[in-house]
Amino acid sequence: MIVYSHLNCFLVITSTLLVHISTSYHLFQMKKTQYLEQHNGTYYIRKVLNNELNGYYGKKVLKHSLHTKNLKVAISKRDELLVLINTKRYTTGEDVGDLLSNHIAEYLEDSEVRANTKGNNRIILNQFQSVIGDIAVKFIDVGVLRKYKQHMKASNYKTSSINQHFTITKCFLKWMLDNTYINHLNYSSILKIKKPDVLDDEKQGFSDAEVLVILEHCKQYKEDENFSWRYWLPLLYFYTGCRFRELTQLTKSDIRMIDNHLCLDLNTNVVGGYKKTLKNKYSKRIIPLHPAINHYDFMEWVDKKDDGFLFGNPSGRKFQNFFSDTYRGSKGGLLGYLGITTNTKEHDYKYNTKAKSLHSTRHTFTNKLKQQYVQYSIIDEITGHIGDNKMIHVYAGGYPTKLKY
């Protein structure tokens, strides 16, 4: 009994010590990351101000990018800034980058998007700046945004392009709002423009007859040493629902067997100094190939190719020209040549649009799966689309290859 008593005593003391150590460790970790937040990997200092500092700075919360993704460096920079903030030596005026141009540069630096998307965003935001001026962000108000909207409406951009400019600008303004660089701003109702009803349709999928016409025409290139990509790429787009560059960036090593199924491995590997890009992190995925692809001797063609990019042009410019731009002298590419879509000037350029394009292959694929009553979550995983419930992507494991096949 005495032995058991001592043993119980020892266990209680040990348990208490472990709890104390664990609590101390968590408190240490909390203190270590106190006032720090991460957005897209970049650390920010975020400090709620007391009444005295609130009155001095005119803000309830100070948030400042530390321009680093390294925790150790972030802690050092945070400690330096905290001293400046608490001693009222931190300034928020234009001398420390309160101008619009500085915030645009910071936003682009923090953005985790592929290079061509970042370049496009830079062009759009620089145009936004050129219209309203390189003003202090505190002066961006409803009047400024109305000025920007009127300028865009008077431009020669298509309605869809104007709305794209507005979308990128709103994302930037929301980022500034989230980082407390600006206060509440009602921009949603201002930066929006309705397309003309006559051309208000979404991109359409191809009909079965159109798909057959396209693929039948492309058959002539199957054995062509220089233009075989004109046969294989349309076939892959229709049978995978992939986005434009997801296929043109494929390498020989991306075609592999997984769980006894021939699959496409969509990734962001670096190939010969070229870094492949995807739209977002959910686009990185495995797609089992439809048996029809094998039926058309796809692997036999792949085996004959050299290592590297299968279609020789990862940017996809060659295929874009062939399919949608110019082919055999026809504007509108292959689609224009086959009479499936037109690129006429019946309307002003800003209202001109194409109902069908290369992206329509993705709509065609998705619609086919929906017609077969495939679960939306499986369709989203195959196509790399973020569904309505983002939590599924965060917490749920991926579907097995066999099920997707």
Protein backbone atom coordinates (compact mmCIF):
# COMPACT_ATOMS: atom_id res chain seq x y z
CA MET A 1 0.00 0.00 0.00
CA ILE A 2 2.86 2.36 0.83
CA VAL A 3 4.49 1.64 -2.54
CA TYR A 4 1.22 2.32 -4.38
CA SER A 5 0.74 5.52 -2.38
CA HIS A 6 4.19 6.79 -3.32
CA LEU A 7 3.60 5.77 -6.93
CA ASN A 8 0.29 7.66 -7.09
CA CYS A 9 1.96 10.70 -5.53
CA PHE A 10 4.75 10.53 -8.12
CA LEU A 11 2.25 10.27 -10.99
CA VAL A 12 0.24 13.26 -9.73
CA ILE A 13 3.39 15.38 -9.38
CA THR A 14 4.67 14.29 -12.80
CA SER A 15 1.30 15.02 -14.40
CA THR A 16 1.19 18.46 -12.79
CA LEU A 17 4.71 19.23 -14.01
CA LEU A 18 3.85 18.16 -17.57
CA VAL A 19 0.74 20.37 -17.57
CA HIS A 20 2.83 23.25 -16.26
CA ILE A 21 5.54 22.68 -18.89
CA SER A 22 2.94 22.38 -21.66
CA THR A 23 1.18 25.57 -20.51
CA SER A 24 4.49 27.42 -20.28
CA TYR A 25 5.44 26.26 -23.77
CA HIS A 26 2.11 27.44 -25.26
CA LEU A 27 2.44 30.77 -23.46
CA PHE A 28 5.96 31.08 -24.87
CA GLN A 29 4.70 30.32 -28.38
CA MET A 30 1.85 32.84 -27.99
CA LYS A 31 4.28 35.49 -26.82
CA LYS A 32 6.64 34.62 -29.66
CA THR A 33 3.98 35.27 -32.30
CA GLN A 34 2.11 38.00 -30.45
CA TYR A 35 1.03 40.89 -32.72
CA LEU A 36 1.96 38.81 -35.80
CA GLU A 37 -0.35 37.69 -38.60
CA GLN A 38 0.31 35.94 -41.89
CA HIS A 39 -1.35 36.69 -45.23
CA ASN A 40 -0.25 34.64 -48.23
CA GLY A 41 2.84 33.72 -46.23
CA THR A 42 3.92 37.32 -45.56
CA TYR A 43 4.06 38.44 -41.92
CA TYR A 44 2.25 41.56 -40.69
CA ILE A 45 2.33 43.31 -37.36
CA ARG A 46 -1.18 43.98 -36.02
CA LYS A 47 -1.57 45.89 -32.79
CA VAL A 48 -4.81 47.02 -31.17
CA LEU A 49 -4.15 50.47 -29.71
CA ASN A 50 -5.15 51.67 -26.25
CA ASN A 51 -7.11 54.91 -25.84
CA GLU A 52 -3.99 57.07 -25.63
CA LEU A 53 -2.37 55.65 -28.76
CA ASN A 54 -5.75 55.54 -30.53
CA GLY A 55 -6.11 59.27 -29.98
CA TYR A 56 -2.56 59.91 -31.17
CA TYR A 57 -2.64 57.84 -34.36
CA GLY A 58 -6.36 58.23 -35.12
CA LYS A 59 -6.72 54.48 -35.59
CA LYS A 60 -7.99 51.64 -33.43
CA VAL A 61 -5.63 49.13 -35.01
CA LEU A 62 -2.24 49.52 -36.66
CA LYS A 63 -1.33 46.98 -39.31
CA HIS A 64 1.94 47.03 -41.18
CA SER A 65 3.56 44.59 -43.62
CA LEU A 66 6.94 43.32 -42.44
CA HIS A 67 7.82 42.26 -46.01
CA THR A 68 9.13 38.86 -44.98
CA LYS A 69 7.96 35.26 -44.80
CA ASN A 70 10.68 34.31 -42.31
CA LEU A 71 9.38 34.12 -38.72
CA LYS A 72 12.72 34.97 -37.13
CA VAL A 73 13.13 38.10 -39.27
CA ALA A 74 9.46 39.02 -38.66
CA ILE A 75 9.93 38.84 -34.86
CA SER A 76 12.95 41.15 -35.06
CA LYS A 77 11.14 43.69 -37.25
CA ARG A 78 8.02 43.46 -35.06
CA ASP A 79 9.99 44.29 -31.91
CA GLU A 80 11.55 47.34 -33.59
CA LEU A 81 8.16 48.61 -34.75
CA LEU A 82 6.53 48.02 -31.36
CA VAL A 83 9.10 50.34 -29.77
CA LEU A 84 8.30 53.03 -32.37
CA ILE A 85 4.54 52.58 -31.94
CA ASN A 86 4.59 52.66 -28.13
CA THR A 87 6.89 55.73 -28.03
CA LYS A 88 4.72 57.55 -30.61
CA ARG A 89 7.51 57.64 -33.18
CA TYR A 90 5.73 55.50 -35.78
CA THR A 91 4.36 57.63 -38.61
CA THR A 92 1.58 56.83 -41.05
CA GLY A 93 1.96 59.77 -43.38
CA GLU A 94 3.04 59.83 -47.03
CA ASP A 95 6.72 59.82 -46.01
CA VAL A 96 6.41 56.12 -45.09
CA GLY A 97 4.51 55.06 -48.17
CA ASP A 98 0.87 56.09 -47.76
CA LEU A 99 0.63 56.89 -51.47
CA LEU A 100 -1.43 54.67 -53.76
CA SER A 101 1.64 53.60 -55.77
CA ASN A 102 3.35 52.23 -52.64
CA HIS A 103 0.32 50.16 -51.68
CA ILE A 104 -0.04 48.79 -55.20
CA ALA A 105 3.59 47.67 -55.09
CA GLU A 106 3.07 46.03 -51.69
CA TYR A 107 -0.14 44.30 -52.83
CA LEU A 108 1.57 42.84 -55.90
CA GLU A 109 4.52 41.71 -53.80
CA ASP A 110 2.21 39.88 -51.37
CA SER A 111 0.06 38.31 -54.10
CA GLU A 112 0.53 34.55 -54.48
CA VAL A 113 -0.53 34.23 -58.12
CA ARG A 114 1.19 33.09 -61.28
CA ALA A 115 3.48 35.53 -63.07
CA ASN A 116 1.20 36.35 -66.01
CA THR A 117 -1.74 37.04 -63.64
CA LYS A 118 0.43 39.32 -61.52
CA GLY A 119 1.56 41.15 -64.66
CA ASN A 120 -2.05 41.64 -65.74
CA ASN A 121 -3.00 42.90 -62.27
CA ARG A 122 -0.11 45.36 -62.37
CA ILE A 123 -1.32 46.83 -65.68
CA ILE A 124 -4.89 47.20 -64.36
CA LEU A 125 -3.89 48.80 -61.04
CA ASN A 126 -1.39 51.14 -62.71
CA GLN A 127 -4.21 52.31 -64.97
CA PHE A 128 -6.42 52.82 -61.91
CA GLN A 129 -3.62 54.97 -60.45
CA SER A 130 -3.18 56.95 -63.69
CA VAL A 131 -6.91 57.83 -63.70
CA ILE A 132 -7.31 58.93 -60.06
CA GLY A 133 -3.70 60.06 -59.52
CA ASP A 134 -1.03 58.89 -57.09
CA ILE A 135 -2.98 60.19 -54.12
CA ALA A 136 -2.79 59.28 -50.44
CA VAL A 137 -5.04 56.27 -49.93
CA LYS A 138 -7.05 58.08 -47.24
CA PHE A 139 -8.50 60.25 -50.05
CA ILE A 140 -9.93 57.29 -51.98
CA ASP A 141 -13.66 57.75 -51.56
CA VAL A 142 -16.91 57.24 -53.46
CA GLY A 143 -16.26 60.33 -55.61
CA VAL A 144 -12.85 59.05 -56.69
CA LEU A 145 -14.30 55.65 -57.64
CA ARG A 146 -17.11 57.26 -59.64
CA LYS A 147 -14.48 59.21 -61.58
CA TYR A 148 -12.67 55.94 -62.33
CA LYS A 149 -15.91 54.26 -63.40
CA GLN A 150 -16.86 57.06 -65.78
CA HIS A 151 -13.39 56.94 -67.34
CA MET A 152 -13.67 53.18 -67.94
CA LYS A 153 -17.18 53.45 -69.40
CA ALA A 154 -15.92 56.05 -71.88
CA SER A 155 -13.01 53.85 -72.93
CA ASN A 156 -12.96 51.46 -75.88
CA TYR A 157 -12.76 48.34 -73.69
CA LYS A 158 -15.26 45.50 -73.98
CA THR A 159 -17.83 45.35 -71.18
CA SER A 160 -16.28 42.09 -69.96
CA SER A 161 -12.84 43.74 -69.85
CA ILE A 162 -14.19 46.72 -67.90
CA ASN A 163 -15.71 44.34 -65.35
CA GLN A 164 -12.37 42.51 -65.12
CA HIS A 165 -10.66 45.83 -64.31
CA PHE A 166 -13.28 46.51 -61.66
CA THR A 167 -12.87 43.03 -60.13
CA ILE A 168 -9.09 43.42 -59.76
CA THR A 169 -9.50 46.93 -58.36
CA LYS A 170 -12.05 45.70 -55.81
CA CYS A 171 -9.72 42.89 -54.73
CA PHE A 172 -7.01 45.51 -54.17
CA LEU A 173 -9.34 47.79 -52.20
CA LYS A 174 -10.50 44.86 -50.06
CA TRP A 175 -6.86 44.00 -49.33
CA MET A 176 -6.29 47.60 -48.16
CA LEU A 177 -9.45 47.42 -46.05
CA ASP A 178 -8.38 44.10 -44.48
CA ASN A 179 -5.00 45.61 -43.65
CA THR A 180 -6.64 48.75 -42.15
CA TYR A 181 -4.86 51.00 -44.68
CA ILE A 182 -8.30 52.46 -45.47
CA ASN A 183 -11.53 52.64 -43.49
CA HIS A 184 -14.98 51.35 -44.53
CA LEU A 185 -15.59 51.87 -48.22
CA ASN A 186 -18.70 50.96 -50.18
CA TYR A 187 -17.31 50.13 -53.60
CA SER A 188 -19.33 47.07 -54.68
CA SER A 189 -22.29 48.99 -56.08
CA ILE A 190 -20.06 51.54 -57.83
CA LEU A 191 -17.50 49.36 -59.62
CA LYS A 192 -19.94 47.32 -61.64
CA ILE A 193 -21.32 47.62 -65.12
CA LYS A 194 -24.08 45.55 -66.72
CA LYS A 195 -23.47 43.96 -70.10
CA PRO A 196 -25.98 44.75 -72.89
CA ASP A 197 -28.85 42.27 -72.74
CA VAL A 198 -28.31 41.16 -76.35
CA LEU A 199 -24.81 39.93 -75.52
CA ASP A 200 -25.24 39.07 -71.87
CA ASP A 201 -24.81 35.31 -72.34
CA GLU A 202 -22.17 33.36 -70.51
CA LYS A 203 -19.57 31.37 -72.43
CA GLN A 204 -21.33 28.37 -73.98
CA GLY A 205 -20.27 24.77 -74.34
CA PHE A 206 -20.07 23.07 -77.73
CA SER A 207 -22.87 20.89 -79.03
CA ASP A 208 -22.14 17.23 -79.73
CA ALA A 209 -22.23 17.94 -83.47
CA GLU A 210 -19.69 20.78 -83.10
CA VAL A 211 -17.35 18.60 -81.05
CA LEU A 212 -17.42 15.93 -83.75
CA VAL A 213 -16.78 18.50 -86.50
CA ILE A 214 -13.78 19.91 -84.63
CA LEU A 215 -12.21 16.54 -83.84
CA GLU A 216 -12.87 15.18 -87.33
CA HIS A 217 -11.09 18.17 -88.86
CA CYS A 218 -8.13 17.78 -86.48
CA LYS A 219 -7.60 14.13 -87.47
CA GLN A 220 -5.59 15.21 -90.51
CA TYR A 221 -2.76 16.32 -88.19
CA LYS A 222 -2.42 13.07 -86.21
CA GLU A 223 0.56 11.75 -88.18
CA ASP A 224 2.03 15.18 -88.97
CA GLU A 225 5.45 15.40 -87.29
CA ASN A 226 5.30 19.20 -86.91
CA PHE A 227 1.59 19.71 -86.21
CA SER A 228 0.46 16.59 -84.31
CA TRP A 229 -0.33 18.86 -81.35
CA ARG A 230 -3.27 20.17 -83.41
CA TYR A 231 -4.77 16.70 -83.07
CA TRP A 232 -3.88 15.75 -79.49
CA LEU A 233 -4.55 19.04 -77.69
CA PRO A 234 -8.20 19.46 -78.80
CA LEU A 235 -8.81 15.82 -77.87
CA LEU A 236 -7.30 16.36 -74.39
CA TYR A 237 -9.21 19.59 -73.79
CA PHE A 238 -12.54 17.94 -74.56
CA TYR A 239 -11.79 14.85 -72.44
CA THR A 240 -10.22 16.53 -69.36
CA GLY A 241 -11.91 19.94 -68.98
CA CYS A 242 -8.50 21.48 -68.30
CA ARG A 243 -7.77 25.18 -68.45
CA PHE A 244 -5.76 26.62 -71.32
CA ARG A 245 -2.14 26.41 -70.04
CA GLU A 246 -2.68 23.38 -67.84
CA LEU A 247 -2.28 21.22 -70.95
CA THR A 248 0.25 23.24 -72.96
CA GLN A 249 2.63 23.02 -69.95
CA LEU A 250 2.51 19.22 -69.80
CA THR A 251 5.82 17.36 -69.96
CA LYS A 252 6.49 13.73 -70.81
CA SER A 253 7.03 12.93 -67.11
CA ASP A 254 3.58 14.38 -66.26
CA ILE A 255 1.91 11.46 -68.07
CA ARG A 256 2.17 8.53 -65.68
CA MET A 257 0.41 5.51 -64.21
CA ILE A 258 -1.27 6.02 -60.82
CA ASP A 259 -3.27 3.20 -59.23
CA ASN A 260 -3.24 1.34 -62.56
CA HIS A 261 -4.72 4.31 -64.42
CA LEU A 262 -3.02 6.57 -66.94
CA CYS A 263 -3.14 10.07 -65.46
CA LEU A 264 -2.15 13.68 -66.01
CA ASP A 265 -0.13 15.12 -63.13
CA LEU A 266 -0.76 18.88 -63.07
CA ASN A 267 2.00 20.52 -61.03
CA THR A 268 4.19 23.61 -60.76
CA ASN A 269 7.55 21.94 -61.39
CA VAL A 270 10.46 23.82 -62.94
CA VAL A 271 11.40 22.47 -66.36
CA GLY A 272 14.61 23.73 -67.97
CA GLY A 273 14.40 27.01 -66.06
CA TYR A 274 10.69 27.48 -66.91
CA LYS A 275 8.43 27.39 -63.84
CA LYS A 276 5.03 25.99 -64.65
CA THR A 277 2.10 27.94 -63.23
CA LEU A 278 -1.45 27.06 -62.18
CA LYS A 279 -4.40 29.32 -61.44
CA ASN A 280 -4.51 28.47 -57.72
CA LYS A 281 -3.44 25.80 -55.24
CA TYR A 282 -6.56 23.70 -55.95
CA SER A 283 -5.47 23.43 -59.59
CA LYS A 284 -2.62 21.14 -58.58
CA ARG A 285 -4.21 17.74 -59.13
CA ILE A 286 -4.24 14.30 -60.70
CA ILE A 287 -6.64 13.64 -63.60
CA PRO A 288 -7.21 10.07 -64.80
CA LEU A 289 -7.46 10.01 -68.59
CA HIS A 290 -10.64 8.85 -70.29
CA PRO A 291 -10.20 5.45 -72.02
CA ALA A 292 -10.93 7.11 -75.37
CA ILE A 293 -7.55 8.85 -75.14
CA ASN A 294 -5.77 5.50 -74.91
CA HIS A 295 -7.92 4.19 -77.72
CA TYR A 296 -6.45 6.91 -79.93
CA ASP A 297 -2.86 5.70 -79.22
CA PHE A 298 -1.92 8.63 -77.00
CA MET A 299 0.78 6.77 -75.05
CA GLU A 300 2.37 5.49 -78.24
CA TRP A 301 2.69 9.12 -79.37
CA VAL A 302 4.04 10.24 -75.97
CA ASP A 303 6.71 7.52 -75.92
CA LYS A 304 8.15 8.84 -79.18
CA LYS A 305 8.49 12.38 -77.79
CA ASP A 306 11.69 13.73 -76.23
CA ASP A 307 11.80 14.67 -72.56
CA GLY A 308 10.49 18.15 -71.83
CA PHE A 309 7.31 19.90 -72.94
CA LEU A 310 5.10 17.58 -74.97
CA PHE A 311 3.67 20.32 -77.17
CA GLY A 312 6.81 22.43 -77.42
CA ASN A 313 5.16 25.72 -76.49
CA PRO A 314 4.26 25.94 -72.76
CA SER A 315 2.79 29.45 -73.10
CA GLY A 316 0.17 27.99 -75.46
CA ARG A 317 0.47 30.83 -77.95
CA LYS A 318 0.70 28.47 -80.94
CA PHE A 319 -2.44 26.61 -79.98
CA GLN A 320 -4.33 29.81 -79.18
CA ASN A 321 -3.55 31.11 -82.67
CA PHE A 322 -4.70 27.84 -84.24
CA PHE A 323 -7.90 27.36 -82.26
CA SER A 324 -9.25 30.85 -81.63
CA ASP A 325 -7.25 33.55 -83.44
CA THR A 326 -6.18 32.93 -87.04
CA TYR A 327 -6.22 29.69 -89.05
CA ARG A 328 -5.96 29.40 -92.84
CA GLY A 329 -6.70 33.10 -93.13
CA SER A 330 -9.88 32.92 -91.04
CA LYS A 331 -10.27 35.32 -88.13
CA GLY A 332 -11.54 33.38 -85.17
CA GLY A 333 -9.07 30.54 -85.79
CA LEU A 334 -10.28 26.99 -86.31
CA LEU A 335 -13.68 27.87 -84.82
CA GLY A 336 -14.11 30.66 -87.34
CA TYR A 337 -12.89 28.45 -90.19
CA LEU A 338 -15.47 25.76 -89.29
CA GLY A 339 -18.24 28.36 -88.89
CA ILE A 340 -18.78 27.52 -85.20
CA THR A 341 -18.20 31.06 -83.95
CA THR A 342 -17.70 34.46 -85.55
CA ASN A 343 -15.54 37.45 -84.83
CA THR A 344 -17.59 40.09 -86.60
CA LYS A 345 -17.72 43.83 -86.03
CA GLU A 346 -21.50 44.08 -85.98
CA HIS A 347 -21.29 45.90 -82.66
CA ASP A 348 -18.83 48.41 -81.26
CA TYR A 349 -15.63 46.71 -80.14
CA LYS A 350 -16.40 47.25 -76.45
CA TYR A 351 -19.65 45.29 -76.83
CA ASN A 352 -18.28 42.60 -79.15
CA THR A 353 -17.95 39.15 -77.64
CA LYS A 354 -17.59 35.52 -78.65
CA ALA A 355 -20.07 33.03 -77.25
CA LYS A 356 -17.69 30.12 -77.85
CA SER A 357 -13.93 29.89 -77.49
CA LEU A 358 -11.24 27.50 -76.31
CA HIS A 359 -12.57 27.87 -72.75
CA SER A 360 -15.86 26.40 -74.01
CA THR A 361 -14.19 22.96 -74.05
CA ARG A 362 -14.11 23.21 -70.24
CA HIS A 363 -17.84 24.05 -70.18
CA THR A 364 -18.54 21.14 -72.52
CA PHE A 365 -16.69 18.69 -70.30
CA THR A 366 -18.33 19.96 -67.09
CA ASN A 367 -21.81 19.88 -68.63
CA LYS A 368 -21.32 16.29 -69.77
CA LEU A 369 -20.45 15.21 -66.21
CA LYS A 370 -23.45 17.07 -64.79
CA GLN A 371 -25.72 15.32 -67.28
CA GLN A 372 -24.39 12.01 -65.94
CA TYR A 373 -25.32 13.12 -62.36
CA VAL A 374 -21.70 13.16 -61.18
CA GLN A 375 -21.36 14.82 -57.77
CA TYR A 376 -20.33 18.47 -58.02
CA SER A 377 -17.50 17.96 -55.53
CA ILE A 378 -15.97 15.28 -57.79
CA ILE A 379 -16.36 17.52 -60.85
CA ASP A 380 -14.65 20.35 -58.95
CA GLU A 381 -11.73 18.11 -58.02
CA ILE A 382 -11.27 16.86 -61.58
CA THR A 383 -11.48 20.35 -63.09
CA GLY A 384 -9.56 22.10 -60.30
CA HIS A 385 -12.48 24.41 -59.57
CA ILE A 386 -13.11 25.92 -56.13
CA GLY A 387 -16.67 24.95 -55.22
CA ASP A 388 -19.12 26.92 -53.10
CA ASN A 389 -17.95 25.12 -49.94
CA LYS A 390 -14.24 25.91 -49.66
CA MET A 391 -14.04 24.00 -46.37
CA ILE A 392 -14.29 20.74 -48.33
CA HIS A 393 -10.99 21.57 -50.01
CA VAL A 394 -9.36 22.45 -46.70
CA TYR A 395 -10.43 19.49 -44.56
CA ALA A 396 -11.51 16.70 -46.90
CA GLY A 397 -9.04 14.34 -48.54
CA GLY A 398 -9.02 13.99 -52.30
CA TYR A 399 -11.09 11.39 -54.09
CA PRO A 400 -9.22 8.21 -55.08
CA THR A 401 -8.04 7.98 -58.67
CA LYS A 402 -10.22 4.95 -59.33
CA LEU A 403 -13.39 6.85 -58.35
CA LYS A 404 -12.49 9.83 -60.53
CA TYR A 405 -11.77 7.44 -63.41
